C-alpha atoms as a PDB file:
ATOM      1  CA  MET A   1     243.547 242.472  41.908  1.00  0.00           C
ATOM      2  CA  LYS A   2     247.172 242.475  43.048  1.00  0.00           C
ATOM      3  CA  TRP A   3     246.770 244.553  46.175  1.00  0.00           C
ATOM      4  CA  GLU A   4     249.034 242.806  48.682  1.00  0.00           C
ATOM      5  CA  GLY A   5     252.111 244.860  49.556  1.00  0.00           C
ATOM      6  CA  GLN A   6     250.626 248.138  48.319  1.00  0.00           C
ATOM      7  CA  ARG A   7     250.569 251.295  50.424  1.00  0.00           C
ATOM      8  CA  GLU A   8     247.869 251.530  53.079  1.00  0.00           C
ATOM      9  CA  SER A   9     246.152 254.784  53.898  1.00  0.00           C
ATOM     10  CA  ASP A  10     246.714 256.716  57.118  1.00  0.00           C
ATOM     11  CA  ASN A  11     243.150 258.052  56.831  1.00  0.00           C
ATOM     12  CA  VAL A  12     241.425 254.959  58.231  1.00  0.00           C
ATOM     13  CA  GLU A  13     239.587 255.174  61.548  1.00  0.00           C
ATOM     14  CA  ASP A  14     238.801 251.781  63.027  1.00  0.00           C
ATOM     15  CA  ARG A  15     235.833 251.931  65.419  1.00  0.00           C
ATOM     16  CA  ARG A  16     234.997 248.244  65.264  1.00  0.00           C
ATOM     17  CA  ASP A  17     236.174 247.596  68.814  1.00  0.00           C
ATOM     18  CA  ASP A  18     233.881 250.351  70.082  1.00  0.00           C
ATOM     19  CA  GLY A  19     230.885 248.035  69.668  1.00  0.00           C
ATOM     20  CA  PRO A  20     227.427 249.152  68.541  1.00  0.00           C
ATOM     21  CA  SER A  21     226.773 252.710  69.587  1.00  0.00           C
ATOM     22  CA  GLY A  22     223.613 253.453  71.482  1.00  0.00           C
ATOM     23  CA  GLY A  23     221.852 256.747  71.910  1.00  0.00           C
ATOM     24  CA  GLY A  24     218.877 258.510  70.444  1.00  0.00           C
ATOM     25  CA  GLY A  25     219.622 257.780  66.820  1.00  0.00           C
ATOM     26  CA  ILE A  26     217.839 259.780  64.152  1.00  0.00           C
ATOM     27  CA  GLY A  27     214.632 261.726  64.479  1.00  0.00           C
ATOM     28  CA  PHE A  28     212.669 262.589  61.349  1.00  0.00           C
ATOM     29  CA  GLY A  29     210.516 265.672  61.414  1.00  0.00           C
ATOM     30  CA  GLY A  30     207.013 265.577  59.982  1.00  0.00           C
ATOM     31  CA  GLY A  31     205.564 263.268  57.379  1.00  0.00           C
ATOM     32  CA  ARG A  32     204.015 259.872  57.760  1.00  0.00           C
ATOM     33  CA  GLY A  33     205.825 257.016  59.457  1.00  0.00           C
ATOM     34  CA  LEU A  34     207.574 254.335  57.455  1.00  0.00           C
ATOM     35  CA  GLY A  35     206.417 250.760  57.638  1.00  0.00           C
ATOM     36  CA  LEU A  36     208.831 247.858  57.570  1.00  0.00           C
ATOM     37  CA  GLY A  37     208.388 247.496  53.803  1.00  0.00           C
ATOM     38  CA  GLY A  38     209.293 251.131  53.231  1.00  0.00           C
ATOM     39  CA  ILE A  39     212.381 250.787  55.385  1.00  0.00           C
ATOM     40  CA  VAL A  40     213.467 247.719  53.440  1.00  0.00           C
ATOM     41  CA  VAL A  41     213.109 249.629  50.165  1.00  0.00           C
ATOM     42  CA  ALA A  42     215.103 252.525  51.621  1.00  0.00           C
ATOM     43  CA  LEU A  43     217.863 250.242  52.819  1.00  0.00           C
ATOM     44  CA  LEU A  44     218.002 248.485  49.456  1.00  0.00           C
ATOM     45  CA  ALA A  45     218.467 251.916  47.945  1.00  0.00           C
ATOM     46  CA  SER A  46     221.281 252.543  50.388  1.00  0.00           C
ATOM     47  CA  TRP A  47     222.807 249.197  49.457  1.00  0.00           C
ATOM     48  CA  ALA A  48     222.893 250.642  45.970  1.00  0.00           C
ATOM     49  CA  LEU A  49     225.783 252.757  47.251  1.00  0.00           C
ATOM     50  CA  GLY A  50     223.845 255.975  47.356  1.00  0.00           C
ATOM     51  CA  ILE A  51     224.377 259.225  49.099  1.00  0.00           C
ATOM     52  CA  ASN A  52     223.694 259.352  52.808  1.00  0.00           C
ATOM     53  CA  PRO A  53     220.995 256.708  53.452  1.00  0.00           C
ATOM     54  CA  LEU A  54     219.750 258.806  56.357  1.00  0.00           C
ATOM     55  CA  THR A  55     218.601 261.302  53.744  1.00  0.00           C
ATOM     56  CA  VAL A  56     216.965 258.516  51.725  1.00  0.00           C
ATOM     57  CA  LEU A  57     214.866 257.522  54.738  1.00  0.00           C
ATOM     58  CA  GLY A  58     213.985 261.135  55.475  1.00  0.00           C
ATOM     59  CA  LEU A  59     212.797 261.766  51.927  1.00  0.00           C
ATOM     60  CA  LEU A  60     210.682 258.618  51.889  1.00  0.00           C
ATOM     61  CA  GLN A  61     208.965 259.856  55.024  1.00  0.00           C
ATOM     62  CA  GLY A  62     208.137 263.136  53.366  1.00  0.00           C
ATOM     63  CA  GLY A  63     210.412 265.030  55.721  1.00  0.00           C
ATOM     64  CA  GLY A  64     213.604 266.946  55.136  1.00  0.00           C
ATOM     65  CA  VAL A  65     217.135 266.195  56.161  1.00  0.00           C
ATOM     66  CA  PRO A  66     217.269 263.898  59.201  1.00  0.00           C
ATOM     67  CA  GLN A  67     217.859 265.687  62.475  1.00  0.00           C
ATOM     68  CA  GLN A  68     220.906 264.507  64.332  1.00  0.00           C
ATOM     69  CA  GLN A  69     220.229 263.514  67.932  1.00  0.00           C
ATOM     70  CA  THR A  70     223.502 261.837  68.804  1.00  0.00           C
ATOM     71  CA  PRO A  71     226.572 264.052  68.603  1.00  0.00           C
ATOM     72  CA  ALA A  72     229.352 262.683  66.450  1.00  0.00           C
ATOM     73  CA  PRO A  73     232.877 262.606  67.769  1.00  0.00           C
ATOM     74  CA  SER A  74     234.999 265.463  66.534  1.00  0.00           C
ATOM     75  CA  SER A  75     238.119 264.743  64.536  1.00  0.00           C
ATOM     76  CA  GLN A  76     240.157 265.850  67.545  1.00  0.00           C
ATOM     77  CA  SER A  77     238.448 263.484  69.976  1.00  0.00           C
ATOM     78  CA  ARG A  78     240.086 260.337  68.652  1.00  0.00           C
ATOM     79  CA  SER A  79     243.757 259.578  68.502  1.00  0.00           C
ATOM     80  CA  PRO A  80     245.041 257.866  65.361  1.00  0.00           C
ATOM     81  CA  ALA A  81     244.558 254.117  65.644  1.00  0.00           C
ATOM     82  CA  ALA A  82     246.995 251.468  64.562  1.00  0.00           C
ATOM     83  CA  LYS A  83     246.421 250.208  61.050  1.00  0.00           C
ATOM     84  CA  PRO A  84     244.023 247.251  61.009  1.00  0.00           C
ATOM     85  CA  GLN A  85     245.634 243.895  60.326  1.00  0.00           C
ATOM     86  CA  ASP A  86     242.719 241.771  59.121  1.00  0.00           C
ATOM     87  CA  PRO A  87     242.696 241.251  55.318  1.00  0.00           C
ATOM     88  CA  ALA A  88     239.327 242.911  54.622  1.00  0.00           C
ATOM     89  CA  ALA A  89     240.293 246.074  56.489  1.00  0.00           C
ATOM     90  CA  ARG A  90     243.762 246.136  54.956  1.00  0.00           C
ATOM     91  CA  PHE A  91     242.218 245.793  51.503  1.00  0.00           C
ATOM     92  CA  ALA A  92     239.886 248.726  52.149  1.00  0.00           C
ATOM     93  CA  SER A  93     242.853 250.751  53.385  1.00  0.00           C
ATOM     94  CA  VAL A  94     244.865 249.940  50.255  1.00  0.00           C
ATOM     95  CA  VAL A  95     241.997 250.935  47.965  1.00  0.00           C
ATOM     96  CA  LEU A  96     241.502 254.190  49.862  1.00  0.00           C
ATOM     97  CA  ALA A  97     245.235 254.892  49.577  1.00  0.00           C
ATOM     98  CA  ASP A  98     245.075 254.435  45.840  1.00  0.00           C
ATOM     99  CA  THR A  99     242.145 256.843  45.542  1.00  0.00           C
ATOM    100  CA  GLU A 100     244.323 259.328  47.433  1.00  0.00           C
ATOM    101  CA  ASP A 101     247.158 258.793  44.961  1.00  0.00           C
ATOM    102  CA  VAL A 102     244.972 258.990  41.869  1.00  0.00           C
ATOM    103  CA  TRP A 103     242.904 262.003  42.845  1.00  0.00           C
ATOM    104  CA  GLY A 104     245.810 263.770  44.502  1.00  0.00           C
ATOM    105  CA  GLN A 105     247.819 263.555  41.295  1.00  0.00           C
ATOM    106  CA  TYR A 106     244.830 264.416  39.134  1.00  0.00           C
ATOM    107  CA  PHE A 107     244.144 267.600  41.105  1.00  0.00           C
ATOM    108  CA  ALA A 108     247.841 268.512  41.346  1.00  0.00           C
ATOM    109  CA  GLN A 109     248.168 268.391  37.565  1.00  0.00           C
ATOM    110  CA  ARG A 110     245.466 271.064  37.481  1.00  0.00           C
ATOM    111  CA  GLN A 111     247.135 273.186  40.169  1.00  0.00           C
ATOM    112  CA  GLN A 112     244.531 272.190  42.724  1.00  0.00           C
ATOM    113  CA  ARG A 113     244.791 270.502  46.109  1.00  0.00           C
ATOM    114  CA  TYR A 114     242.880 267.340  46.870  1.00  0.00           C
ATOM    115  CA  GLU A 115     241.549 266.925  50.393  1.00  0.00           C
ATOM    116  CA  ALA A 116     241.278 263.185  51.033  1.00  0.00           C
ATOM    117  CA  PRO A 117     238.346 261.761  53.013  1.00  0.00           C
ATOM    118  CA  ARG A 118     238.660 259.484  56.021  1.00  0.00           C
ATOM    119  CA  LEU A 119     237.348 255.941  55.980  1.00  0.00           C
ATOM    120  CA  VAL A 120     235.560 254.803  59.147  1.00  0.00           C
ATOM    121  CA  LEU A 121     235.223 251.085  59.824  1.00  0.00           C
ATOM    122  CA  PHE A 122     232.486 250.221  62.305  1.00  0.00           C
ATOM    123  CA  ARG A 123     230.170 247.460  63.446  1.00  0.00           C
ATOM    124  CA  GLY A 124     226.461 247.820  64.099  1.00  0.00           C
ATOM    125  CA  SER A 125     226.109 251.567  64.399  1.00  0.00           C
ATOM    126  CA  THR A 126     228.227 254.648  64.874  1.00  0.00           C
ATOM    127  CA  PRO A 127     227.643 258.383  65.342  1.00  0.00           C
ATOM    128  CA  THR A 128     228.382 260.687  62.404  1.00  0.00           C
ATOM    129  CA  GLU A 129     227.923 264.367  61.697  1.00  0.00           C
ATOM    130  CA  CYS A 130     224.992 263.322  59.494  1.00  0.00           C
ATOM    131  CA  GLY A 131     223.251 261.349  62.237  1.00  0.00           C
ATOM    132  CA  GLN A 132     223.475 257.840  63.615  1.00  0.00           C
ATOM    133  CA  GLY A 133     224.886 255.503  60.996  1.00  0.00           C
ATOM    134  CA  GLN A 134     223.637 251.919  60.902  1.00  0.00           C
ATOM    135  CA  ALA A 135     225.288 248.878  59.332  1.00  0.00           C
ATOM    136  CA  ALA A 136     221.972 248.020  57.650  1.00  0.00           C
ATOM    137  CA  MET A 137     222.289 251.199  55.602  1.00  0.00           C
ATOM    138  CA  GLY A 138     225.255 249.868  53.706  1.00  0.00           C
ATOM    139  CA  PRO A 139     228.289 252.065  52.936  1.00  0.00           C
ATOM    140  CA  PHE A 140     227.654 255.808  52.857  1.00  0.00           C
ATOM    141  CA  TYR A 141     229.423 259.139  52.693  1.00  0.00           C
ATOM    142  CA  CYS A 142     228.721 261.941  55.136  1.00  0.00           C
ATOM    143  CA  PRO A 143     229.460 265.342  53.551  1.00  0.00           C
ATOM    144  CA  ALA A 144     229.349 267.090  56.942  1.00  0.00           C
ATOM    145  CA  ASP A 145     232.441 265.310  58.269  1.00  0.00           C
ATOM    146  CA  HIS A 146     234.106 264.214  54.992  1.00  0.00           C
ATOM    147  CA  ARG A 147     234.027 260.565  55.992  1.00  0.00           C
ATOM    148  CA  VAL A 148     233.122 257.345  54.226  1.00  0.00           C
ATOM    149  CA  TYR A 149     231.482 254.831  56.580  1.00  0.00           C
ATOM    150  CA  ILE A 150     231.393 251.090  56.069  1.00  0.00           C
ATOM    151  CA  ASP A 151     230.634 248.005  58.112  1.00  0.00           C
ATOM    152  CA  LEU A 152     232.794 245.431  56.334  1.00  0.00           C
ATOM    153  CA  GLY A 153     230.015 242.903  56.775  1.00  0.00           C
ATOM    154  CA  PHE A 154     228.443 244.674  53.798  1.00  0.00           C
ATOM    155  CA  TYR A 155     230.846 242.798  51.561  1.00  0.00           C
ATOM    156  CA  ASP A 156     229.108 239.572  52.603  1.00  0.00           C
ATOM    157  CA  THR A 157     225.813 241.169  51.555  1.00  0.00           C
ATOM    158  CA  LEU A 158     227.354 242.268  48.279  1.00  0.00           C
ATOM    159  CA  ARG A 159     228.558 238.756  47.550  1.00  0.00           C
ATOM    160  CA  GLU A 160     225.786 236.576  48.971  1.00  0.00           C
ATOM    161  CA  ARG A 161     222.583 238.640  48.650  1.00  0.00           C
ATOM    162  CA  LEU A 162     223.346 240.937  45.743  1.00  0.00           C
ATOM    163  CA  GLY A 163     225.332 238.438  43.685  1.00  0.00           C
ATOM    164  CA  ALA A 164     228.395 240.633  43.227  1.00  0.00           C
ATOM    165  CA  PRO A 165     231.516 238.767  44.407  1.00  0.00           C
ATOM    166  CA  GLY A 166     235.131 239.729  43.840  1.00  0.00           C
ATOM    167  CA  ASP A 167     237.682 242.106  45.314  1.00  0.00           C
ATOM    168  CA  PHE A 168     237.275 244.719  42.592  1.00  0.00           C
ATOM    169  CA  ALA A 169     233.531 244.798  43.210  1.00  0.00           C
ATOM    170  CA  GLN A 170     234.482 245.742  46.780  1.00  0.00           C
ATOM    171  CA  ALA A 171     236.935 248.347  45.505  1.00  0.00           C
ATOM    172  CA  TYR A 172     234.153 249.834  43.385  1.00  0.00           C
ATOM    173  CA  VAL A 173     232.069 250.305  46.548  1.00  0.00           C
ATOM    174  CA  ILE A 174     234.774 252.489  48.090  1.00  0.00           C
ATOM    175  CA  ALA A 175     235.558 254.311  44.842  1.00  0.00           C
ATOM    176  CA  HIS A 176     231.877 255.214  44.413  1.00  0.00           C
ATOM    177  CA  GLU A 177     231.693 256.709  47.917  1.00  0.00           C
ATOM    178  CA  VAL A 178     234.920 258.626  47.296  1.00  0.00           C
ATOM    179  CA  GLY A 179     233.181 259.879  44.161  1.00  0.00           C
ATOM    180  CA  HIS A 180     230.560 261.434  46.428  1.00  0.00           C
ATOM    181  CA  HIS A 181     233.382 263.079  48.359  1.00  0.00           C
ATOM    182  CA  LEU A 182     234.658 264.605  45.119  1.00  0.00           C
ATOM    183  CA  GLN A 183     231.151 265.891  44.384  1.00  0.00           C
ATOM    184  CA  ASN A 184     231.116 267.457  47.828  1.00  0.00           C
ATOM    185  CA  LEU A 185     234.486 269.151  47.288  1.00  0.00           C
ATOM    186  CA  LEU A 186     233.421 270.442  43.883  1.00  0.00           C
ATOM    187  CA  GLY A 187     230.153 271.866  45.189  1.00  0.00           C
ATOM    188  CA  ILE A 188     227.960 269.537  43.130  1.00  0.00           C
ATOM    189  CA  SER A 189     226.258 267.921  46.117  1.00  0.00           C
ATOM    190  CA  ALA A 190     225.426 271.331  47.584  1.00  0.00           C
ATOM    191  CA  LYS A 191     223.539 272.291  44.436  1.00  0.00           C
ATOM    192  CA  LEU A 192     221.413 269.178  44.771  1.00  0.00           C
ATOM    193  CA  ASP A 193     220.715 269.945  48.423  1.00  0.00           C
ATOM    194  CA  GLN A 194     219.617 273.454  47.445  1.00  0.00           C
ATOM    195  CA  ALA A 195     217.060 271.960  45.069  1.00  0.00           C
ATOM    196  CA  ARG A 196     215.398 270.011  47.868  1.00  0.00           C
ATOM    197  CA  GLY A 197     212.074 271.565  48.727  1.00  0.00           C
ATOM    198  CA  ARG A 198     212.014 273.670  45.545  1.00  0.00           C
ATOM    199  CA  VAL A 199     211.225 270.831  43.171  1.00  0.00           C
ATOM    200  CA  SER A 200     208.797 267.930  43.235  1.00  0.00           C
ATOM    201  CA  GLN A 201     209.793 264.568  44.659  1.00  0.00           C
ATOM    202  CA  ARG A 202     209.889 263.130  41.137  1.00  0.00           C
ATOM    203  CA  GLU A 203     212.187 265.926  39.925  1.00  0.00           C
ATOM    204  CA  TYR A 204     214.420 265.515  42.960  1.00  0.00           C
ATOM    205  CA  ASN A 205     214.655 261.765  42.326  1.00  0.00           C
ATOM    206  CA  ALA A 206     215.761 262.513  38.765  1.00  0.00           C
ATOM    207  CA  LEU A 207     218.500 264.824  40.059  1.00  0.00           C
ATOM    208  CA  SER A 208     219.565 262.177  42.559  1.00  0.00           C
ATOM    209  CA  VAL A 209     219.910 259.661  39.729  1.00  0.00           C
ATOM    210  CA  ARG A 210     222.259 262.037  37.907  1.00  0.00           C
ATOM    211  CA  LEU A 211     224.314 262.503  41.088  1.00  0.00           C
ATOM    212  CA  GLU A 212     224.628 258.750  41.611  1.00  0.00           C
ATOM    213  CA  LEU A 213     225.514 258.011  37.995  1.00  0.00           C
ATOM    214  CA  GLN A 214     228.172 260.689  38.167  1.00  0.00           C
ATOM    215  CA  ALA A 215     229.673 258.967  41.232  1.00  0.00           C
ATOM    216  CA  ASP A 216     229.710 255.724  39.226  1.00  0.00           C
ATOM    217  CA  CYS A 217     231.498 257.521  36.401  1.00  0.00           C
ATOM    218  CA  LEU A 218     234.035 258.986  38.837  1.00  0.00           C
ATOM    219  CA  ALA A 219     234.671 255.471  40.158  1.00  0.00           C
ATOM    220  CA  GLY A 220     235.376 254.493  36.555  1.00  0.00           C
ATOM    221  CA  VAL A 221     237.801 257.407  36.139  1.00  0.00           C
ATOM    222  CA  TRP A 222     239.614 256.207  39.253  1.00  0.00           C
ATOM    223  CA  ALA A 223     239.777 252.658  37.836  1.00  0.00           C
ATOM    224  CA  TYR A 224     241.362 253.992  34.636  1.00  0.00           C
ATOM    225  CA  HIS A 225     244.102 255.960  36.404  1.00  0.00           C
ATOM    226  CA  SER A 226     244.609 253.282  39.034  1.00  0.00           C
ATOM    227  CA  GLN A 227     245.387 250.712  36.374  1.00  0.00           C
ATOM    228  CA  GLN A 228     247.592 253.166  34.482  1.00  0.00           C
ATOM    229  CA  GLY A 229     249.606 253.835  37.618  1.00  0.00           C
ATOM    230  CA  LYS A 230     249.858 250.368  39.145  1.00  0.00           C
ATOM    231  CA  GLY A 231     248.809 247.828  36.527  1.00  0.00           C
ATOM    232  CA  TRP A 232     247.363 245.804  39.377  1.00  0.00           C
ATOM    233  CA  LEU A 233     244.060 244.792  37.829  1.00  0.00           C
ATOM    234  CA  GLU A 234     243.749 241.216  36.649  1.00  0.00           C
ATOM    235  CA  ALA A 235     241.532 239.532  34.087  1.00  0.00           C
ATOM    236  CA  GLY A 236     237.924 239.766  35.209  1.00  0.00           C
ATOM    237  CA  ASP A 237     238.394 242.648  37.659  1.00  0.00           C
ATOM    238  CA  ILE A 238     236.562 245.238  35.558  1.00  0.00           C
ATOM    239  CA  ASP A 239     233.820 242.681  34.925  1.00  0.00           C
ATOM    240  CA  GLU A 240     233.407 242.363  38.709  1.00  0.00           C
ATOM    241  CA  ALA A 241     232.785 246.103  38.988  1.00  0.00           C
ATOM    242  CA  LEU A 242     230.384 246.077  36.046  1.00  0.00           C
ATOM    243  CA  ASN A 243     228.499 243.157  37.565  1.00  0.00           C
ATOM    244  CA  ALA A 244     228.242 245.019  40.881  1.00  0.00           C
ATOM    245  CA  ALA A 245     226.954 248.129  39.083  1.00  0.00           C
ATOM    246  CA  SER A 246     224.373 245.996  37.295  1.00  0.00           C
ATOM    247  CA  ARG A 247     223.227 244.190  40.432  1.00  0.00           C
ATOM    248  CA  ILE A 248     222.537 247.425  42.308  1.00  0.00           C
ATOM    249  CA  GLY A 249     220.503 249.245  39.669  1.00  0.00           C
ATOM    250  CA  ASP A 250     217.176 250.594  40.897  1.00  0.00           C
ATOM    251  CA  ASP A 251     215.217 248.419  38.480  1.00  0.00           C
ATOM    252  CA  THR A 252     216.972 245.255  39.628  1.00  0.00           C
ATOM    253  CA  LEU A 253     216.582 246.083  43.328  1.00  0.00           C
ATOM    254  CA  GLN A 254     212.925 247.037  42.946  1.00  0.00           C
ATOM    255  CA  ARG A 255     212.184 243.886  41.005  1.00  0.00           C
ATOM    256  CA  GLN A 256     213.788 241.819  43.763  1.00  0.00           C
ATOM    257  CA  SER A 257     212.149 243.646  46.667  1.00  0.00           C
ATOM    258  CA  GLN A 258     208.657 244.402  45.368  1.00  0.00           C
ATOM    259  CA  GLY A 259     208.262 242.555  42.090  1.00  0.00           C
ATOM    260  CA  THR A 260     207.570 245.703  40.065  1.00  0.00           C
ATOM    261  CA  VAL A 261     209.660 248.519  38.631  1.00  0.00           C
ATOM    262  CA  VAL A 262     208.678 252.178  39.144  1.00  0.00           C
ATOM    263  CA  PRO A 263     211.078 254.329  37.076  1.00  0.00           C
ATOM    264  CA  GLU A 264     209.871 257.658  38.486  1.00  0.00           C
ATOM    265  CA  SER A 265     210.959 256.505  41.952  1.00  0.00           C
ATOM    266  CA  PHE A 266     214.510 255.717  40.849  1.00  0.00           C
ATOM    267  CA  THR A 267     217.161 257.514  42.897  1.00  0.00           C
ATOM    268  CA  HIS A 268     220.321 255.800  41.637  1.00  0.00           C
ATOM    269  CA  GLY A 269     219.688 254.774  38.040  1.00  0.00           C
ATOM    270  CA  SER A 270     218.920 251.552  36.250  1.00  0.00           C
ATOM    271  CA  SER A 271     221.385 248.693  35.999  1.00  0.00           C
ATOM    272  CA  ALA A 272     222.142 249.572  32.378  1.00  0.00           C
ATOM    273  CA  GLN A 273     222.728 253.221  33.265  1.00  0.00           C
ATOM    274  CA  ARG A 274     225.070 252.419  36.137  1.00  0.00           C
ATOM    275  CA  VAL A 275     227.114 250.095  33.957  1.00  0.00           C
ATOM    276  CA  ARG A 276     227.164 252.640  31.124  1.00  0.00           C
ATOM    277  CA  TRP A 277     228.455 255.507  33.259  1.00  0.00           C
ATOM    278  CA  PHE A 278     231.089 253.448  35.036  1.00  0.00           C
ATOM    279  CA  LYS A 279     232.343 252.297  31.632  1.00  0.00           C
ATOM    280  CA  ARG A 280     232.347 255.872  30.350  1.00  0.00           C
ATOM    281  CA  GLY A 281     234.617 257.027  33.146  1.00  0.00           C
ATOM    282  CA  GLN A 282     236.771 253.916  32.941  1.00  0.00           C
ATOM    283  CA  SER A 283     237.321 254.284  29.197  1.00  0.00           C
ATOM    284  CA  SER A 284     237.991 258.040  29.176  1.00  0.00           C
ATOM    285  CA  GLY A 285     239.804 258.680  32.447  1.00  0.00           C
ATOM    286  CA  GLU A 286     238.470 262.254  32.412  1.00  0.00           C
ATOM    287  CA  LEU A 287     236.214 264.058  34.862  1.00  0.00           C
ATOM    288  CA  GLY A 288     234.755 265.983  31.942  1.00  0.00           C
ATOM    289  CA  SER A 289     233.185 262.791  30.628  1.00  0.00           C
ATOM    290  CA  CYS A 290     231.147 262.473  33.838  1.00  0.00           C
ATOM    291  CA  ASP A 291     228.856 265.496  33.506  1.00  0.00           C
ATOM    292  CA  THR A 292     225.602 263.608  33.936  1.00  0.00           C
ATOM    293  CA  PHE A 293     223.758 266.850  34.669  1.00  0.00           C
ATOM    294  CA  LYS A 294     224.267 268.072  31.106  1.00  0.00           C
ATOM    295  CA  ALA A 295     223.718 264.704  29.453  1.00  0.00           C
ATOM    296  CA  ALA A 296     220.640 264.647  27.233  1.00  0.00           C
ATOM    297  CA  GLN A 297     220.334 260.901  27.699  1.00  0.00           C
ATOM    298  CA  LEU A 298     221.474 258.848  30.674  1.00  0.00           C
END
């Protein structure tokens, strides 16, 4: 991926020098407590690039949305930081900038305005409007503050533990989370939240799978337009994204963590489904191709 020399985003907030944030963290109301094994499964699900992993943990406990106990800094409380200079952070900034270009143009062509998210780089833990974010959760998007959060050490996990190396695999991580931001802007995520508590856990999991596969498809749409605009992808780049999508399927993660596969507990989709929906978006370049909620077969 020929990313050197490309525009970097101004929407990057670097909190890495803040150090791990202390405080009360997250409190979960009701339900039974999670054992270490349950937490590991939840974090593996979060490593699958899902929606807010705080919600994943709350649902596994049988509770609702996690209650925030540590106030997040407001957008006015931090002055803009200088752009990070280390290669990993610069790469993330370049990818975010390209999502801004692609989605900004896509929305403008439809007489709509795109509100770009901010990308927060942190180490250890950091407060968010969705609760206390932890590096162990993997990358996540917080709809309450329109921010994507990532500890860049996750890329080591992606490469070494999940078997998904390559810079475009890393770009896919960011593009997927930006996909969740699009779902938030379009009101899709809110509809899923409204279903919580009105449907069974199994039904909610099925809806979550459709949300996640749609974010994969949106990442594919971005990849299509990104390549059309910049021509910066090299041989093997798309394969890196497809490999990442395959490595983080629910069936693959469950097989690795517990030795068995329980389809009704899927929250993100199987490896084959994640690959299929990324490829659908990447081949069509159209948001309309990503309506997983109306798809008869995933």
